[in-house]
Amino acid sequence: MVLVAVLMVLVVVSFRSIELRQKQQDYDTRISQLNQQIEEETQRTEEIEEYGKYTKTRKFVEEVAKDKLGLVYDGEIIFKPEE
C-alpha cells in the first residue's frame, strides 16, 4: 500500500516536472524574443536621435528648401529635363 502511494506521488511529480520544464522553455523563448525587441527599439531610438540632430543642420534646411519649396541660391542655374 505504501509502495503504491509512493509510486503515485512519483508519477505526479514526474508529470509536474515535465510541465515545468516546458513552461521554462516557453519563458526562455519569450525572454529571447523580448531581448530582440529591446535591441531593435534601442537601434530605432538611436536612428531617431540621429535624424533629430540632422534636422537641425543647415544641409537639411537647404534640402527641404530645394526639394519641397523649389528655392535656389542667387545665380544658381537649374536644368529642367525636356519633356
N, C-alpha and C. Protein backbone atom coordinates (compact mmCIF):
# COMPACT_ATOMS: atom_id res chain seq x y z
N MET A 1 0.82 -1.18 0.00
CA MET A 1 0.00 0.00 0.00
C MET A 1 0.88 1.26 0.00
N VAL A 2 1.91 1.25 0.81
CA VAL A 2 2.83 2.39 0.88
C VAL A 2 3.57 2.53 -0.46
N LEU A 3 3.93 1.40 -1.02
CA LEU A 3 4.63 1.41 -2.29
C LEU A 3 3.77 2.04 -3.39
N VAL A 4 2.49 1.74 -3.41
CA VAL A 4 1.57 2.30 -4.40
C VAL A 4 1.47 3.81 -4.21
N ALA A 5 1.37 4.25 -2.98
CA ALA A 5 1.28 5.68 -2.69
C ALA A 5 2.56 6.40 -3.14
N VAL A 6 3.71 5.81 -2.86
CA VAL A 6 4.98 6.41 -3.26
C VAL A 6 5.08 6.46 -4.78
N LEU A 7 4.65 5.41 -5.47
CA LEU A 7 4.68 5.39 -6.93
C LEU A 7 3.75 6.46 -7.52
N MET A 8 2.59 6.63 -6.91
CA MET A 8 1.64 7.65 -7.39
C MET A 8 2.23 9.05 -7.22
N VAL A 9 2.86 9.29 -6.08
CA VAL A 9 3.48 10.59 -5.85
C VAL A 9 4.61 10.80 -6.85
N LEU A 10 5.38 9.77 -7.11
CA LEU A 10 6.47 9.84 -8.06
C LEU A 10 5.96 10.17 -9.47
N VAL A 11 4.88 9.55 -9.87
CA VAL A 11 4.28 9.80 -11.18
C VAL A 11 3.79 11.25 -11.28
N VAL A 12 3.12 11.70 -10.24
CA VAL A 12 2.60 13.08 -10.25
C VAL A 12 3.76 14.08 -10.31
N VAL A 13 4.78 13.83 -9.53
CA VAL A 13 5.94 14.73 -9.52
C VAL A 13 6.62 14.72 -10.89
N SER A 14 6.70 13.57 -11.52
CA SER A 14 7.32 13.48 -12.85
C SER A 14 6.54 14.30 -13.87
N PHE A 15 5.22 14.17 -13.86
CA PHE A 15 4.41 14.94 -14.80
C PHE A 15 4.53 16.43 -14.55
N ARG A 16 4.52 16.83 -13.31
CA ARG A 16 4.66 18.25 -12.97
C ARG A 16 6.04 18.76 -13.39
N SER A 17 7.04 17.92 -13.25
CA SER A 17 8.40 18.30 -13.64
C SER A 17 8.46 18.54 -15.15
N ILE A 18 7.83 17.69 -15.91
CA ILE A 18 7.80 17.85 -17.37
C ILE A 18 7.07 19.13 -17.74
N GLU A 19 5.94 19.40 -17.09
CA GLU A 19 5.18 20.62 -17.36
C GLU A 19 6.01 21.85 -17.03
N LEU A 20 6.72 21.82 -15.91
CA LEU A 20 7.53 22.95 -15.51
C LEU A 20 8.69 23.19 -16.48
N ARG A 21 9.29 22.12 -16.97
CA ARG A 21 10.36 22.27 -17.96
C ARG A 21 9.83 22.91 -19.24
N GLN A 22 8.64 22.49 -19.65
CA GLN A 22 8.03 23.07 -20.85
C GLN A 22 7.75 24.56 -20.64
N LYS A 23 7.24 24.91 -19.48
CA LYS A 23 6.99 26.32 -19.18
C LYS A 23 8.30 27.10 -19.18
N GLN A 24 9.33 26.52 -18.62
CA GLN A 24 10.63 27.19 -18.58
C GLN A 24 11.15 27.43 -19.99
N GLN A 25 10.97 26.46 -20.88
CA GLN A 25 11.37 26.63 -22.27
C GLN A 25 10.58 27.75 -22.93
N ASP A 26 9.28 27.78 -22.68
CA ASP A 26 8.43 28.83 -23.23
C ASP A 26 8.88 30.20 -22.73
N TYR A 27 9.18 30.30 -21.46
CA TYR A 27 9.63 31.57 -20.88
C TYR A 27 10.98 31.98 -21.45
N ASP A 28 11.88 31.03 -21.63
CA ASP A 28 13.18 31.34 -22.21
C ASP A 28 13.03 31.87 -23.64
N THR A 29 12.12 31.25 -24.39
CA THR A 29 11.86 31.71 -25.75
C THR A 29 11.31 33.13 -25.74
N ARG A 30 10.38 33.38 -24.85
CA ARG A 30 9.76 34.71 -24.74
C ARG A 30 10.81 35.76 -24.33
N ILE A 31 11.68 35.40 -23.40
CA ILE A 31 12.74 36.31 -22.97
C ILE A 31 13.65 36.64 -24.15
N SER A 32 13.97 35.65 -24.94
CA SER A 32 14.81 35.86 -26.11
C SER A 32 14.13 36.81 -27.10
N GLN A 33 12.85 36.62 -27.34
CA GLN A 33 12.10 37.49 -28.24
C GLN A 33 12.06 38.92 -27.71
N LEU A 34 11.83 39.07 -26.42
CA LEU A 34 11.76 40.40 -25.84
C LEU A 34 13.12 41.10 -25.88
N ASN A 35 14.19 40.35 -25.66
CA ASN A 35 15.52 40.95 -25.76
C ASN A 35 15.79 41.42 -27.18
N GLN A 36 15.35 40.66 -28.16
CA GLN A 36 15.50 41.06 -29.56
C GLN A 36 14.72 42.35 -29.83
N GLN A 37 13.50 42.44 -29.30
CA GLN A 37 12.69 43.65 -29.47
C GLN A 37 13.37 44.84 -28.81
N ILE A 38 13.95 44.63 -27.65
CA ILE A 38 14.65 45.72 -26.95
C ILE A 38 15.81 46.22 -27.80
N GLU A 39 16.57 45.31 -28.39
CA GLU A 39 17.69 45.70 -29.25
C GLU A 39 17.20 46.50 -30.46
N GLU A 40 16.11 46.04 -31.08
CA GLU A 40 15.57 46.73 -32.25
C GLU A 40 15.08 48.13 -31.87
N GLU A 41 14.40 48.24 -30.75
CA GLU A 41 13.88 49.54 -30.32
C GLU A 41 15.01 50.48 -29.91
N THR A 42 16.07 49.93 -29.33
CA THR A 42 17.23 50.75 -28.98
C THR A 42 17.87 51.31 -30.23
N GLN A 43 18.01 50.46 -31.25
CA GLN A 43 18.59 50.91 -32.52
C GLN A 43 17.68 51.96 -33.16
N ARG A 44 16.39 51.74 -33.11
CA ARG A 44 15.44 52.70 -33.69
C ARG A 44 15.53 54.04 -32.97
N THR A 45 15.66 54.00 -31.66
CA THR A 45 15.79 55.21 -30.87
C THR A 45 17.04 55.99 -31.27
N GLU A 46 18.14 55.28 -31.46
CA GLU A 46 19.38 55.92 -31.89
C GLU A 46 19.22 56.57 -33.27
N GLU A 47 18.53 55.87 -34.18
CA GLU A 47 18.30 56.42 -35.51
C GLU A 47 17.45 57.68 -35.44
N ILE A 48 16.44 57.66 -34.59
CA ILE A 48 15.57 58.83 -34.44
C ILE A 48 16.35 60.00 -33.85
N GLU A 49 17.21 59.73 -32.88
CA GLU A 49 18.03 60.79 -32.30
C GLU A 49 18.99 61.37 -33.33
N GLU A 50 19.59 60.51 -34.16
CA GLU A 50 20.49 60.99 -35.21
C GLU A 50 19.73 61.84 -36.22
N TYR A 51 18.53 61.40 -36.59
CA TYR A 51 17.72 62.18 -37.53
C TYR A 51 17.33 63.52 -36.91
N GLY A 52 17.03 63.51 -35.61
CA GLY A 52 16.71 64.77 -34.92
C GLY A 52 17.87 65.74 -34.98
N LYS A 53 19.08 65.24 -34.80
CA LYS A 53 20.26 66.10 -34.91
C LYS A 53 20.43 66.59 -36.35
N TYR A 54 20.19 65.71 -37.30
CA TYR A 54 20.34 66.07 -38.71
C TYR A 54 19.35 67.16 -39.11
N THR A 55 18.14 67.11 -38.58
CA THR A 55 17.14 68.11 -38.95
C THR A 55 17.51 69.50 -38.47
N LYS A 56 18.45 69.59 -37.57
CA LYS A 56 18.88 70.90 -37.06
C LYS A 56 20.08 71.46 -37.82
N THR A 57 20.52 70.74 -38.86
CA THR A 57 21.68 71.19 -39.63
C THR A 57 21.25 72.06 -40.81
N ARG A 58 22.20 72.84 -41.30
CA ARG A 58 21.95 73.70 -42.45
C ARG A 58 21.69 72.86 -43.71
N LYS A 59 22.37 71.75 -43.84
CA LYS A 59 22.20 70.88 -45.00
C LYS A 59 20.74 70.41 -45.12
N PHE A 60 20.15 70.03 -44.01
CA PHE A 60 18.75 69.58 -44.03
C PHE A 60 17.84 70.71 -44.47
N VAL A 61 18.07 71.91 -43.92
CA VAL A 61 17.24 73.06 -44.28
C VAL A 61 17.35 73.35 -45.77
N GLU A 62 18.56 73.29 -46.30
CA GLU A 62 18.75 73.52 -47.73
C GLU A 62 18.04 72.47 -48.57
N GLU A 63 18.13 71.21 -48.17
CA GLU A 63 17.46 70.14 -48.92
C GLU A 63 15.95 70.34 -48.93
N VAL A 64 15.38 70.67 -47.79
CA VAL A 64 13.93 70.89 -47.73
C VAL A 64 13.55 72.09 -48.58
N ALA A 65 14.33 73.16 -48.48
CA ALA A 65 14.03 74.37 -49.26
C ALA A 65 14.07 74.07 -50.76
N LYS A 66 15.04 73.26 -51.19
CA LYS A 66 15.13 72.94 -52.62
C LYS A 66 14.06 71.94 -53.05
N ASP A 67 13.92 70.86 -52.31
CA ASP A 67 13.00 69.78 -52.71
C ASP A 67 11.53 70.16 -52.55
N LYS A 68 11.19 70.70 -51.43
CA LYS A 68 9.77 70.95 -51.13
C LYS A 68 9.31 72.31 -51.62
N LEU A 69 10.17 73.31 -51.49
CA LEU A 69 9.75 74.67 -51.81
C LEU A 69 10.28 75.18 -53.15
N GLY A 70 11.23 74.45 -53.74
CA GLY A 70 11.76 74.83 -55.04
C GLY A 70 12.67 76.05 -54.98
N LEU A 71 13.18 76.38 -53.83
CA LEU A 71 14.05 77.54 -53.69
C LEU A 71 15.45 77.24 -54.19
N VAL A 72 16.14 78.28 -54.65
CA VAL A 72 17.53 78.15 -55.12
C VAL A 72 18.32 79.36 -54.65
N TYR A 73 19.63 79.24 -54.69
CA TYR A 73 20.50 80.37 -54.38
C TYR A 73 20.52 81.35 -55.55
N ASP A 74 20.85 82.61 -55.27
CA ASP A 74 21.00 83.59 -56.34
C ASP A 74 22.12 83.14 -57.27
N GLY A 75 21.89 83.21 -58.55
CA GLY A 75 22.89 82.85 -59.53
C GLY A 75 22.98 81.35 -59.79
N GLU A 76 22.21 80.55 -59.10
CA GLU A 76 22.24 79.10 -59.30
C GLU A 76 21.44 78.75 -60.55
N ILE A 77 21.98 77.88 -61.37
CA ILE A 77 21.32 77.51 -62.62
C ILE A 77 20.65 76.17 -62.44
N ILE A 78 19.39 76.11 -62.85
CA ILE A 78 18.62 74.89 -62.71
C ILE A 78 18.35 74.33 -64.11
N PHE A 79 18.65 73.10 -64.30
CA PHE A 79 18.37 72.43 -65.56
C PHE A 79 17.12 71.60 -65.40
N LYS A 80 16.18 71.82 -66.28
CA LYS A 80 14.95 71.03 -66.25
C LYS A 80 14.99 70.04 -67.39
N PRO A 81 14.55 68.82 -67.12
CA PRO A 81 14.57 67.80 -68.19
C PRO A 81 13.54 68.16 -69.28
N GLU A 82 13.90 67.82 -70.52
CA GLU A 82 12.97 68.02 -71.62
C GLU A 82 11.84 67.02 -71.54
N GLU A 83 10.69 67.48 -71.88
CA GLU A 83 9.52 66.58 -71.81
C GLU A 83 9.13 66.08 -73.15
